[in-house]
Amino acid sequence: MTTSTRPEPATATVAATDHAGPRRRRRAATGNVGEPRAIPWVYAVLIGGLVLLVGPFLWMLLGSFRPDRELKQVPPAWLPENPTLDNYRTLFTDLDFPTYFVNSTVVAVAITMGNLIFCSMLGYALAKLHFPGKRAIFGLVLGTLMVPGVVTFVPLFVLVSNLGMVNTFPGLIFPFLAGPFGVFLMRQFFQSLPDELIHAARVDGAGEWRIFRSIMLPLCKPALATLGILTFLASWNNFLWPLVVAQSEERYTLPVALAIYAIGENSSDYGLLMAGSVAIVLPVLLVFLVLQKHFVRGIAMTGIK
C-alpha cells in the first residue's frame, strides 16, 4: 500500500490560515480607531498655520494692485475693485527703482558667490586636511558663531572707513564674503563624505586642488544650495549695514531705499510701499523655488534641523 504525502484539504486550509493570521493581526494593530479622527485635526492645524504664514504676503500682493483709496477704505476688501498697475509704474519710473534693484543684485550675488567659494574651501580644509592648529581654528569658528553681529558692527565700520570703502560696493561686499556659519555648514557636510575618495585620487596622482575642485565640490551641491539660499536671503534683506555704509542714493539697496521712502512725505502711499515690498520678496522666492530640492537635501544631510 502506498501512502500519499500530499496534505489533506483541511490541513492546507489550517496552514494557510496560520500564515494569514499574523498579517491580519498586524493590519489590525496598525489601523487604530483613533488615527482617522486625528487626521482632520492635523490638517486643520496645518491649514491654519499656512493661512497665518501666507495671509500677509497675499494681502501685500493684492494691495500692490490697488489704488491708495481702496487700501484706506473701511471695511477693507481682499480683492481689488479696480486693479491697476500704477503703483508698479511709479516704482519703476519715478523712484529710480532699477538702480536700487541693480545695487541689491550686485551686492547679494557677490556676497553669495564669495561665501560659496571661501566657505567651501575652509570647510574642506577643516574636515579633510591635517595641519597644525586645525582644532584651534575650528574652535575659533564656533566661538565666532556665538558673537552677535551688533558687537562687531562698530569695529567693522571703523575698519571699512579707514580703508576708504565707505559709500562703495567693496565696502558693502567685502566684510561678508565669508561667514562662520557657512564654514561650519560646509565642514559638517564634507565630513559626511568618505575619505576613500580622497585616498583613491591621491593614489592616482591628483593634487589637493584637483581633488577639491573635481571630486569633492561636485558632491556637495545640496550644501552649496543651502548655503547659497541662506546667504542670498540674508544679504538681499540686509538693512542696517547698507544704511550706514551707502551714504548716497547711487549706492542704496532696495531695503534702504524703500525704508527711506516710507518715512518721507510719501509715507501714506501704501500701495506703492506694497509694490516695493513685492519687488523685494519676489527674487528671493524665485531663488528658493529653483533650489528647493537641493536646499531640503542639504539641511537633511548636514544635520542642521
C-alpha atoms as a PDB file:
ATOM      1  CA  MET A   1       0.000   0.000   0.000  1.00  0.00           C
ATOM      2  CA  THR A   2       1.269   3.430  -0.920  1.00  0.00           C
ATOM      3  CA  THR A   3       0.803   6.462   1.275  1.00  0.00           C
ATOM      4  CA  SER A   4       0.425   9.984  -0.141  1.00  0.00           C
ATOM      5  CA  THR A   5       2.458  12.834   1.305  1.00  0.00           C
ATOM      6  CA  ARG A   6       0.054  15.439  -0.010  1.00  0.00           C
ATOM      7  CA  PRO A   7      -1.711  17.208   2.890  1.00  0.00           C
ATOM      8  CA  GLU A   8      -5.409  16.870   3.255  1.00  0.00           C
ATOM      9  CA  PRO A   9      -7.550  19.862   2.235  1.00  0.00           C
ATOM     10  CA  ALA A  10      -8.401  20.616   5.823  1.00  0.00           C
ATOM     11  CA  THR A  11      -4.738  20.618   6.795  1.00  0.00           C
ATOM     12  CA  ALA A  12      -3.854  23.004   3.928  1.00  0.00           C
ATOM     13  CA  THR A  13      -6.633  25.334   4.930  1.00  0.00           C
ATOM     14  CA  VAL A  14      -5.401  25.434   8.527  1.00  0.00           C
ATOM     15  CA  ALA A  15      -1.820  26.137   7.362  1.00  0.00           C
ATOM     16  CA  ALA A  16      -2.976  28.954   5.106  1.00  0.00           C
ATOM     17  CA  THR A  17      -4.983  30.382   7.970  1.00  0.00           C
ATOM     18  CA  ASP A  18      -1.948  30.244  10.262  1.00  0.00           C
ATOM     19  CA  HIS A  19       0.133  32.189   7.729  1.00  0.00           C
ATOM     20  CA  ALA A  20      -2.549  34.769   7.021  1.00  0.00           C
ATOM     21  CA  GLY A  21      -3.359  35.271  10.689  1.00  0.00           C
ATOM     22  CA  PRO A  22      -0.251  37.310  11.616  1.00  0.00           C
ATOM     23  CA  ARG A  23      -0.799  39.573   8.586  1.00  0.00           C
ATOM     24  CA  ARG A  24      -4.368  40.318   9.627  1.00  0.00           C
ATOM     25  CA  ARG A  25      -3.258  40.881  13.197  1.00  0.00           C
ATOM     26  CA  ARG A  26      -0.547  43.332  12.036  1.00  0.00           C
ATOM     27  CA  ARG A  27      -3.037  45.235   9.875  1.00  0.00           C
ATOM     28  CA  ALA A  28      -5.460  45.346  12.751  1.00  0.00           C
ATOM     29  CA  ALA A  29      -2.729  46.636  15.077  1.00  0.00           C
ATOM     30  CA  THR A  30      -1.682  49.426  12.740  1.00  0.00           C
ATOM     31  CA  GLY A  31      -5.210  50.512  11.884  1.00  0.00           C
ATOM     32  CA  ASN A  32      -6.119  52.054  15.220  1.00  0.00           C
ATOM     33  CA  VAL A  33      -9.524  53.550  15.602  1.00  0.00           C
ATOM     34  CA  GLY A  34      -8.176  56.878  16.866  1.00  0.00           C
ATOM     35  CA  GLU A  35      -5.968  57.589  13.818  1.00  0.00           C
ATOM     36  CA  PRO A  36      -8.690  58.621  11.328  1.00  0.00           C
ATOM     37  CA  ARG A  37     -10.086  61.026  13.892  1.00  0.00           C
ATOM     38  CA  ALA A  38      -6.660  62.635  14.415  1.00  0.00           C
ATOM     39  CA  ILE A  39      -6.049  63.315  10.696  1.00  0.00           C
ATOM     40  CA  PRO A  40      -8.638  66.126  10.327  1.00  0.00           C
ATOM     41  CA  TRP A  41      -7.149  67.894  13.343  1.00  0.00           C
ATOM     42  CA  VAL A  42      -3.692  67.682  11.825  1.00  0.00           C
ATOM     43  CA  TYR A  43      -4.938  69.126   8.556  1.00  0.00           C
ATOM     44  CA  ALA A  44      -6.799  71.867  10.400  1.00  0.00           C
ATOM     45  CA  VAL A  45      -3.643  72.910  12.286  1.00  0.00           C
ATOM     46  CA  LEU A  46      -1.537  72.852   9.109  1.00  0.00           C
ATOM     47  CA  ILE A  47      -4.096  74.864   7.152  1.00  0.00           C
ATOM     48  CA  GLY A  48      -4.347  77.388   9.993  1.00  0.00           C
ATOM     49  CA  GLY A  49      -0.577  77.790  10.072  1.00  0.00           C
ATOM     50  CA  LEU A  50      -0.494  78.160   6.281  1.00  0.00           C
ATOM     51  CA  VAL A  51      -3.120  80.906   6.411  1.00  0.00           C
ATOM     52  CA  LEU A  52      -1.194  82.779   9.096  1.00  0.00           C
ATOM     53  CA  LEU A  53       2.011  82.482   7.078  1.00  0.00           C
ATOM     54  CA  VAL A  54       0.712  83.242   3.592  1.00  0.00           C
ATOM     55  CA  GLY A  55      -2.052  85.695   4.558  1.00  0.00           C
ATOM     56  CA  PRO A  56       0.140  88.814   4.980  1.00  0.00           C
ATOM     57  CA  PHE A  57       2.030  88.090   1.754  1.00  0.00           C
ATOM     58  CA  LEU A  58      -1.218  87.588  -0.164  1.00  0.00           C
ATOM     59  CA  TRP A  59      -2.592  90.845   1.256  1.00  0.00           C
ATOM     60  CA  MET A  60       0.608  92.628   0.236  1.00  0.00           C
ATOM     61  CA  LEU A  61       0.441  91.198  -3.304  1.00  0.00           C
ATOM     62  CA  LEU A  62      -3.223  92.128  -3.796  1.00  0.00           C
ATOM     63  CA  GLY A  63      -2.676  95.551  -2.203  1.00  0.00           C
ATOM     64  CA  SER A  64       0.047  96.368  -4.708  1.00  0.00           C
ATOM     65  CA  PHE A  65      -2.597  96.332  -7.468  1.00  0.00           C
ATOM     66  CA  ARG A  66      -4.982  98.690  -5.649  1.00  0.00           C
ATOM     67  CA  PRO A  67      -5.208 102.454  -5.685  1.00  0.00           C
ATOM     68  CA  ASP A  68      -4.483 104.157  -2.390  1.00  0.00           C
ATOM     69  CA  ARG A  69      -8.137 104.993  -1.684  1.00  0.00           C
ATOM     70  CA  GLU A  70      -9.117 101.303  -1.759  1.00  0.00           C
ATOM     71  CA  LEU A  71      -6.419 100.423   0.767  1.00  0.00           C
ATOM     72  CA  LYS A  72      -7.789 103.020   3.195  1.00  0.00           C
ATOM     73  CA  GLN A  73     -11.454 102.085   2.904  1.00  0.00           C
ATOM     74  CA  VAL A  74     -13.285 100.585   5.870  1.00  0.00           C
ATOM     75  CA  PRO A  75     -14.077  97.721   5.953  1.00  0.00           C
ATOM     76  CA  PRO A  76     -11.210  96.524   3.766  1.00  0.00           C
ATOM     77  CA  ALA A  77     -11.783  94.075   0.927  1.00  0.00           C
ATOM     78  CA  TRP A  78      -9.461  91.275  -0.113  1.00  0.00           C
ATOM     79  CA  LEU A  79      -9.910  91.559  -3.871  1.00  0.00           C
ATOM     80  CA  PRO A  80      -9.182  94.891  -5.588  1.00  0.00           C
ATOM     81  CA  GLU A  81     -12.261  96.514  -7.081  1.00  0.00           C
ATOM     82  CA  ASN A  82     -10.305  98.466  -9.715  1.00  0.00           C
ATOM     83  CA  PRO A  83      -6.981  96.692 -10.337  1.00  0.00           C
ATOM     84  CA  THR A  84      -4.228  98.981 -11.534  1.00  0.00           C
ATOM     85  CA  LEU A  85      -0.534  98.870 -12.363  1.00  0.00           C
ATOM     86  CA  ASP A  86       0.064 102.493 -11.388  1.00  0.00           C
ATOM     87  CA  ASN A  87       1.996 101.511  -8.258  1.00  0.00           C
ATOM     88  CA  TYR A  88       4.493  99.438 -10.242  1.00  0.00           C
ATOM     89  CA  ARG A  89       4.654 102.056 -12.984  1.00  0.00           C
ATOM     90  CA  THR A  90       5.529 104.726 -10.426  1.00  0.00           C
ATOM     91  CA  LEU A  91       8.006 102.397  -8.740  1.00  0.00           C
ATOM     92  CA  PHE A  92       9.984 101.737 -11.921  1.00  0.00           C
ATOM     93  CA  THR A  93       9.795 105.220 -13.447  1.00  0.00           C
ATOM     94  CA  ASP A  94       9.665 107.881 -10.729  1.00  0.00           C
ATOM     95  CA  LEU A  95      11.730 106.328  -7.915  1.00  0.00           C
ATOM     96  CA  ASP A  96      14.857 105.158  -9.791  1.00  0.00           C
ATOM     97  CA  PHE A  97      13.931 101.639  -8.788  1.00  0.00           C
ATOM     98  CA  PRO A  98      16.147  99.945 -11.436  1.00  0.00           C
ATOM     99  CA  THR A  99      19.256 101.490  -9.851  1.00  0.00           C
ATOM    100  CA  TYR A 100      18.347 100.198  -6.395  1.00  0.00           C
ATOM    101  CA  PHE A 101      17.495  96.779  -7.839  1.00  0.00           C
ATOM    102  CA  VAL A 102      20.853  96.546  -9.631  1.00  0.00           C
ATOM    103  CA  ASN A 103      22.684  97.587  -6.453  1.00  0.00           C
ATOM    104  CA  SER A 104      20.929  94.904  -4.397  1.00  0.00           C
ATOM    105  CA  THR A 105      21.576  92.292  -7.082  1.00  0.00           C
ATOM    106  CA  VAL A 106      25.291  93.102  -7.347  1.00  0.00           C
ATOM    107  CA  VAL A 107      25.782  93.059  -3.579  1.00  0.00           C
ATOM    108  CA  ALA A 108      23.742  89.898  -2.956  1.00  0.00           C
ATOM    109  CA  VAL A 109      25.250  87.906  -5.835  1.00  0.00           C
ATOM    110  CA  ALA A 110      28.830  88.927  -4.966  1.00  0.00           C
ATOM    111  CA  ILE A 111      28.390  88.029  -1.282  1.00  0.00           C
ATOM    112  CA  THR A 112      26.735  84.725  -2.176  1.00  0.00           C
ATOM    113  CA  MET A 113      29.483  83.728  -4.614  1.00  0.00           C
ATOM    114  CA  GLY A 114      32.169  84.701  -2.111  1.00  0.00           C
ATOM    115  CA  ASN A 115      30.612  82.549   0.598  1.00  0.00           C
ATOM    116  CA  LEU A 116      30.228  79.591  -1.742  1.00  0.00           C
ATOM    117  CA  ILE A 117      33.901  79.758  -2.718  1.00  0.00           C
ATOM    118  CA  PHE A 118      35.652  80.649   0.533  1.00  0.00           C
ATOM    119  CA  CYS A 119      33.394  78.763   2.961  1.00  0.00           C
ATOM    120  CA  SER A 120      33.637  75.585   0.888  1.00  0.00           C
ATOM    121  CA  MET A 121      37.438  75.855   0.792  1.00  0.00           C
ATOM    122  CA  LEU A 122      37.679  76.445   4.538  1.00  0.00           C
ATOM    123  CA  GLY A 123      35.139  73.724   5.277  1.00  0.00           C
ATOM    124  CA  TYR A 124      37.075  71.218   3.169  1.00  0.00           C
ATOM    125  CA  ALA A 125      40.351  72.089   4.884  1.00  0.00           C
ATOM    126  CA  LEU A 126      38.854  71.736   8.360  1.00  0.00           C
ATOM    127  CA  ALA A 127      37.120  68.451   7.503  1.00  0.00           C
ATOM    128  CA  LYS A 128      39.632  66.536   5.377  1.00  0.00           C
ATOM    129  CA  LEU A 129      43.107  68.043   5.728  1.00  0.00           C
ATOM    130  CA  HIS A 130      45.509  67.666   8.636  1.00  0.00           C
ATOM    131  CA  PHE A 131      47.605  70.645   9.695  1.00  0.00           C
ATOM    132  CA  PRO A 132      48.789  72.226  12.971  1.00  0.00           C
ATOM    133  CA  GLY A 133      46.186  74.372  14.716  1.00  0.00           C
ATOM    134  CA  LYS A 134      43.228  72.751  12.992  1.00  0.00           C
ATOM    135  CA  ARG A 135      41.248  72.268  16.202  1.00  0.00           C
ATOM    136  CA  ALA A 136      42.031  75.782  17.375  1.00  0.00           C
ATOM    137  CA  ILE A 137      40.802  77.279  14.111  1.00  0.00           C
ATOM    138  CA  PHE A 138      37.589  75.278  14.231  1.00  0.00           C
ATOM    139  CA  GLY A 139      37.076  76.336  17.836  1.00  0.00           C
ATOM    140  CA  LEU A 140      37.540  79.940  16.756  1.00  0.00           C
ATOM    141  CA  VAL A 141      34.874  79.447  14.097  1.00  0.00           C
ATOM    142  CA  LEU A 142      32.458  78.043  16.668  1.00  0.00           C
ATOM    143  CA  GLY A 143      33.247  80.897  19.044  1.00  0.00           C
ATOM    144  CA  THR A 144      32.586  83.443  16.309  1.00  0.00           C
ATOM    145  CA  LEU A 145      29.149  81.919  15.787  1.00  0.00           C
ATOM    146  CA  MET A 146      28.260  82.872  19.352  1.00  0.00           C
ATOM    147  CA  VAL A 147      29.180  86.551  18.939  1.00  0.00           C
ATOM    148  CA  PRO A 148      26.209  88.751  17.927  1.00  0.00           C
ATOM    149  CA  GLY A 149      26.691  90.818  14.808  1.00  0.00           C
ATOM    150  CA  VAL A 150      25.852  94.018  16.679  1.00  0.00           C
ATOM    151  CA  VAL A 151      29.030  93.621  18.761  1.00  0.00           C
ATOM    152  CA  THR A 152      31.280  93.713  15.692  1.00  0.00           C
ATOM    153  CA  PHE A 153      29.261  96.332  13.806  1.00  0.00           C
ATOM    154  CA  VAL A 154      31.126  99.443  15.020  1.00  0.00           C
ATOM    155  CA  PRO A 155      34.674  97.974  14.734  1.00  0.00           C
ATOM    156  CA  LEU A 156      33.812  96.700  11.264  1.00  0.00           C
ATOM    157  CA  PHE A 157      32.580 100.123  10.172  1.00  0.00           C
ATOM    158  CA  VAL A 158      35.732 101.785  11.557  1.00  0.00           C
ATOM    159  CA  LEU A 159      37.869  99.314   9.609  1.00  0.00           C
ATOM    160  CA  VAL A 160      35.919  99.919   6.386  1.00  0.00           C
ATOM    161  CA  SER A 161      36.123 103.684   6.934  1.00  0.00           C
ATOM    162  CA  ASN A 162      39.898 103.589   7.471  1.00  0.00           C
ATOM    163  CA  LEU A 163      40.291 101.627   4.254  1.00  0.00           C
ATOM    164  CA  GLY A 164      38.325 104.270   2.344  1.00  0.00           C
ATOM    165  CA  MET A 165      35.489 101.935   1.376  1.00  0.00           C
ATOM    166  CA  VAL A 166      32.547 103.982   2.659  1.00  0.00           C
ATOM    167  CA  ASN A 167      29.866 104.531   0.007  1.00  0.00           C
ATOM    168  CA  THR A 168      31.436 101.947  -2.318  1.00  0.00           C
ATOM    169  CA  PHE A 169      30.486  98.454  -3.454  1.00  0.00           C
ATOM    170  CA  PRO A 170      33.627  96.907  -1.860  1.00  0.00           C
ATOM    171  CA  GLY A 171      32.538  98.376   1.472  1.00  0.00           C
ATOM    172  CA  LEU A 172      29.141  96.709   1.093  1.00  0.00           C
ATOM    173  CA  ILE A 173      30.561  93.378  -0.054  1.00  0.00           C
ATOM    174  CA  PHE A 174      33.989  92.595   1.415  1.00  0.00           C
ATOM    175  CA  PRO A 175      33.053  92.285   5.122  1.00  0.00           C
ATOM    176  CA  PHE A 176      30.597  89.473   4.304  1.00  0.00           C
ATOM    177  CA  LEU A 177      32.462  87.400   1.715  1.00  0.00           C
ATOM    178  CA  ALA A 178      32.832  84.588   4.264  1.00  0.00           C
ATOM    179  CA  GLY A 179      30.979  83.789   7.448  1.00  0.00           C
ATOM    180  CA  PRO A 180      31.380  81.320  10.318  1.00  0.00           C
ATOM    181  CA  PHE A 181      28.011  79.712   9.684  1.00  0.00           C
ATOM    182  CA  GLY A 182      28.960  78.883   6.104  1.00  0.00           C
ATOM    183  CA  VAL A 183      32.292  77.420   7.205  1.00  0.00           C
ATOM    184  CA  PHE A 184      30.570  75.267   9.823  1.00  0.00           C
ATOM    185  CA  LEU A 185      27.897  74.125   7.362  1.00  0.00           C
ATOM    186  CA  MET A 186      30.376  73.083   4.692  1.00  0.00           C
ATOM    187  CA  ARG A 187      32.695  71.440   7.192  1.00  0.00           C
ATOM    188  CA  GLN A 188      29.874  69.263   8.521  1.00  0.00           C
ATOM    189  CA  PHE A 189      28.885  68.230   5.006  1.00  0.00           C
ATOM    190  CA  PHE A 190      32.436  67.416   3.910  1.00  0.00           C
ATOM    191  CA  GLN A 191      32.856  65.239   6.993  1.00  0.00           C
ATOM    192  CA  SER A 192      29.961  63.071   5.804  1.00  0.00           C
ATOM    193  CA  LEU A 193      31.806  62.246   2.556  1.00  0.00           C
ATOM    194  CA  PRO A 194      34.007  59.119   2.609  1.00  0.00           C
ATOM    195  CA  ASP A 195      37.770  59.576   2.896  1.00  0.00           C
ATOM    196  CA  GLU A 196      38.308  56.709   0.432  1.00  0.00           C
ATOM    197  CA  LEU A 197      37.523  59.072  -2.444  1.00  0.00           C
ATOM    198  CA  ILE A 198      40.412  61.326  -1.445  1.00  0.00           C
ATOM    199  CA  HIS A 199      42.794  58.419  -0.909  1.00  0.00           C
ATOM    200  CA  ALA A 200      41.961  56.947  -4.329  1.00  0.00           C
ATOM    201  CA  ALA A 201      42.508  60.320  -6.003  1.00  0.00           C
ATOM    202  CA  ARG A 202      45.874  60.755  -4.284  1.00  0.00           C
ATOM    203  CA  VAL A 203      46.945  57.306  -5.426  1.00  0.00           C
ATOM    204  CA  ASP A 204      46.102  58.350  -8.995  1.00  0.00           C
ATOM    205  CA  GLY A 205      48.360  61.373  -8.595  1.00  0.00           C
ATOM    206  CA  ALA A 206      45.757  64.114  -8.158  1.00  0.00           C
ATOM    207  CA  GLY A 207      46.722  67.174  -6.118  1.00  0.00           C
ATOM    208  CA  GLU A 208      44.690  68.691  -3.328  1.00  0.00           C
ATOM    209  CA  TRP A 209      43.258  71.455  -5.513  1.00  0.00           C
ATOM    210  CA  ARG A 210      42.139  68.982  -8.170  1.00  0.00           C
ATOM    211  CA  ILE A 211      40.624  66.698  -5.523  1.00  0.00           C
ATOM    212  CA  PHE A 212      38.671  69.596  -4.100  1.00  0.00           C
ATOM    213  CA  ARG A 213      37.569  71.048  -7.446  1.00  0.00           C
ATOM    214  CA  SER A 214      36.862  67.884  -9.449  1.00  0.00           C
ATOM    215  CA  ILE A 215      35.801  65.318  -6.839  1.00  0.00           C
ATOM    216  CA  MET A 216      34.605  66.859  -3.579  1.00  0.00           C
ATOM    217  CA  LEU A 217      32.969  70.055  -4.802  1.00  0.00           C
ATOM    218  CA  PRO A 218      30.548  68.350  -7.246  1.00  0.00           C
ATOM    219  CA  LEU A 219      29.397  66.069  -4.417  1.00  0.00           C
ATOM    220  CA  CYS A 220      28.366  68.928  -2.143  1.00  0.00           C
ATOM    221  CA  LYS A 221      25.708  70.539  -4.356  1.00  0.00           C
ATOM    222  CA  PRO A 222      22.994  70.205  -1.653  1.00  0.00           C
ATOM    223  CA  ALA A 223      25.153  72.005   0.910  1.00  0.00           C
ATOM    224  CA  LEU A 224      26.124  74.675  -1.611  1.00  0.00           C
ATOM    225  CA  ALA A 225      22.466  75.231  -2.499  1.00  0.00           C
ATOM    226  CA  THR A 226      21.576  75.553   1.180  1.00  0.00           C
ATOM    227  CA  LEU A 227      24.388  77.996   1.840  1.00  0.00           C
ATOM    228  CA  GLY A 228      23.568  79.937  -1.319  1.00  0.00           C
ATOM    229  CA  ILE A 229      19.901  80.383  -0.420  1.00  0.00           C
ATOM    230  CA  LEU A 230      20.584  81.410   3.176  1.00  0.00           C
ATOM    231  CA  THR A 231      23.374  83.803   2.190  1.00  0.00           C
ATOM    232  CA  PHE A 232      21.413  85.384  -0.648  1.00  0.00           C
ATOM    233  CA  LEU A 233      18.397  85.839   1.604  1.00  0.00           C
ATOM    234  CA  ALA A 234      20.460  87.486   4.360  1.00  0.00           C
ATOM    235  CA  SER A 235      22.366  89.800   2.021  1.00  0.00           C
ATOM    236  CA  TRP A 236      19.295  90.737  -0.036  1.00  0.00           C
ATOM    237  CA  ASN A 237      17.328  91.705   3.097  1.00  0.00           C
ATOM    238  CA  ASN A 238      20.257  93.310   4.914  1.00  0.00           C
ATOM    239  CA  PHE A 239      19.260  96.797   6.010  1.00  0.00           C
ATOM    240  CA  LEU A 240      21.463  98.187   8.762  1.00  0.00           C
ATOM    241  CA  TRP A 241      24.880  97.813   7.112  1.00  0.00           C
ATOM    242  CA  PRO A 242      23.882  99.316   3.722  1.00  0.00           C
ATOM    243  CA  LEU A 243      22.077 102.103   5.576  1.00  0.00           C
ATOM    244  CA  VAL A 244      25.319 103.135   7.301  1.00  0.00           C
ATOM    245  CA  VAL A 245      27.845 102.446   4.528  1.00  0.00           C
ATOM    246  CA  ALA A 246      25.833 103.604   1.498  1.00  0.00           C
ATOM    247  CA  GLN A 247      25.663 107.348   2.005  1.00  0.00           C
ATOM    248  CA  SER A 248      24.280 108.384  -1.385  1.00  0.00           C
ATOM    249  CA  GLU A 249      21.298 107.325  -3.468  1.00  0.00           C
ATOM    250  CA  GLU A 250      23.590 105.816  -6.121  1.00  0.00           C
ATOM    251  CA  ARG A 251      24.585 103.086  -3.635  1.00  0.00           C
ATOM    252  CA  TYR A 252      21.244 102.476  -1.904  1.00  0.00           C
ATOM    253  CA  THR A 253      19.925  98.934  -1.912  1.00  0.00           C
ATOM    254  CA  LEU A 254      16.234  98.093  -2.144  1.00  0.00           C
ATOM    255  CA  PRO A 255      15.501  97.779   1.619  1.00  0.00           C
ATOM    256  CA  VAL A 256      17.246 101.086   2.347  1.00  0.00           C
ATOM    257  CA  ALA A 257      15.543 102.938  -0.498  1.00  0.00           C
ATOM    258  CA  LEU A 258      12.121 101.580   0.434  1.00  0.00           C
ATOM    259  CA  ALA A 259      12.589 102.426   4.115  1.00  0.00           C
ATOM    260  CA  ILE A 260      13.722 105.980   3.352  1.00  0.00           C
ATOM    261  CA  TYR A 261      10.790 106.440   1.008  1.00  0.00           C
ATOM    262  CA  ALA A 262       8.379 105.057   3.620  1.00  0.00           C
ATOM    263  CA  ILE A 263       9.333 107.645   6.281  1.00  0.00           C
ATOM    264  CA  GLY A 264       9.281 110.621   3.896  1.00  0.00           C
ATOM    265  CA  GLU A 265       6.485 112.702   2.504  1.00  0.00           C
ATOM    266  CA  ASN A 266       5.123 109.676   0.633  1.00  0.00           C
ATOM    267  CA  SER A 267       4.777 107.526   3.730  1.00  0.00           C
ATOM    268  CA  SER A 268       0.992 107.367   3.308  1.00  0.00           C
ATOM    269  CA  ASP A 269       1.203 105.830  -0.185  1.00  0.00           C
ATOM    270  CA  TYR A 270       0.615 102.262   0.986  1.00  0.00           C
ATOM    271  CA  GLY A 271       0.048 100.855  -2.484  1.00  0.00           C
ATOM    272  CA  LEU A 272       3.471 101.995  -3.632  1.00  0.00           C
ATOM    273  CA  LEU A 273       5.094 100.592  -0.491  1.00  0.00           C
ATOM    274  CA  MET A 274       3.401  97.226  -1.056  1.00  0.00           C
ATOM    275  CA  ALA A 275       4.578  97.167  -4.662  1.00  0.00           C
ATOM    276  CA  GLY A 276       8.124  97.795  -3.467  1.00  0.00           C
ATOM    277  CA  SER A 277       7.812  95.032  -0.883  1.00  0.00           C
ATOM    278  CA  VAL A 278       6.643  92.592  -3.563  1.00  0.00           C
ATOM    279  CA  ALA A 279       9.646  93.541  -5.695  1.00  0.00           C
ATOM    280  CA  ILE A 280      11.954  92.787  -2.741  1.00  0.00           C
ATOM    281  CA  VAL A 281      10.361  89.430  -1.856  1.00  0.00           C
ATOM    282  CA  LEU A 282       9.948  88.060  -5.384  1.00  0.00           C
ATOM    283  CA  PRO A 283      13.651  87.401  -6.264  1.00  0.00           C
ATOM    284  CA  VAL A 284      14.249  85.533  -3.003  1.00  0.00           C
ATOM    285  CA  LEU A 285      11.140  83.435  -3.568  1.00  0.00           C
ATOM    286  CA  LEU A 286      12.244  82.537  -7.083  1.00  0.00           C
ATOM    287  CA  VAL A 287      15.717  81.531  -5.900  1.00  0.00           C
ATOM    288  CA  PHE A 288      14.221  79.303  -3.214  1.00  0.00           C
ATOM    289  CA  LEU A 289      11.793  77.623  -5.635  1.00  0.00           C
ATOM    290  CA  VAL A 290      14.588  76.863  -8.090  1.00  0.00           C
ATOM    291  CA  LEU A 291      16.895  75.374  -5.429  1.00  0.00           C
ATOM    292  CA  GLN A 292      14.255  73.926  -3.121  1.00  0.00           C
ATOM    293  CA  LYS A 293      15.153  70.266  -3.709  1.00  0.00           C
ATOM    294  CA  HIS A 294      18.851  70.833  -3.050  1.00  0.00           C
ATOM    295  CA  PHE A 295      18.024  73.006  -0.035  1.00  0.00           C
ATOM    296  CA  VAL A 296      15.999  70.243   1.643  1.00  0.00           C
ATOM    297  CA  ARG A 297      18.711  67.672   0.916  1.00  0.00           C
ATOM    298  CA  GLY A 298      21.406  69.955   2.294  1.00  0.00           C
ATOM    299  CA  ILE A 299      19.514  70.542   5.539  1.00  0.00           C
ATOM    300  CA  ALA A 300      18.928  66.818   5.996  1.00  0.00           C
ATOM    301  CA  MET A 301      22.467  65.687   5.165  1.00  0.00           C
ATOM    302  CA  THR A 302      24.324  68.250   7.267  1.00  0.00           C
ATOM    303  CA  GLY A 303      22.317  67.537  10.418  1.00  0.00           C
ATOM    304  CA  ILE A 304      21.103  71.139  10.847  1.00  0.00           C
ATOM    305  CA  LYS A 305      17.453  70.806  11.768  1.00  0.00           C
END
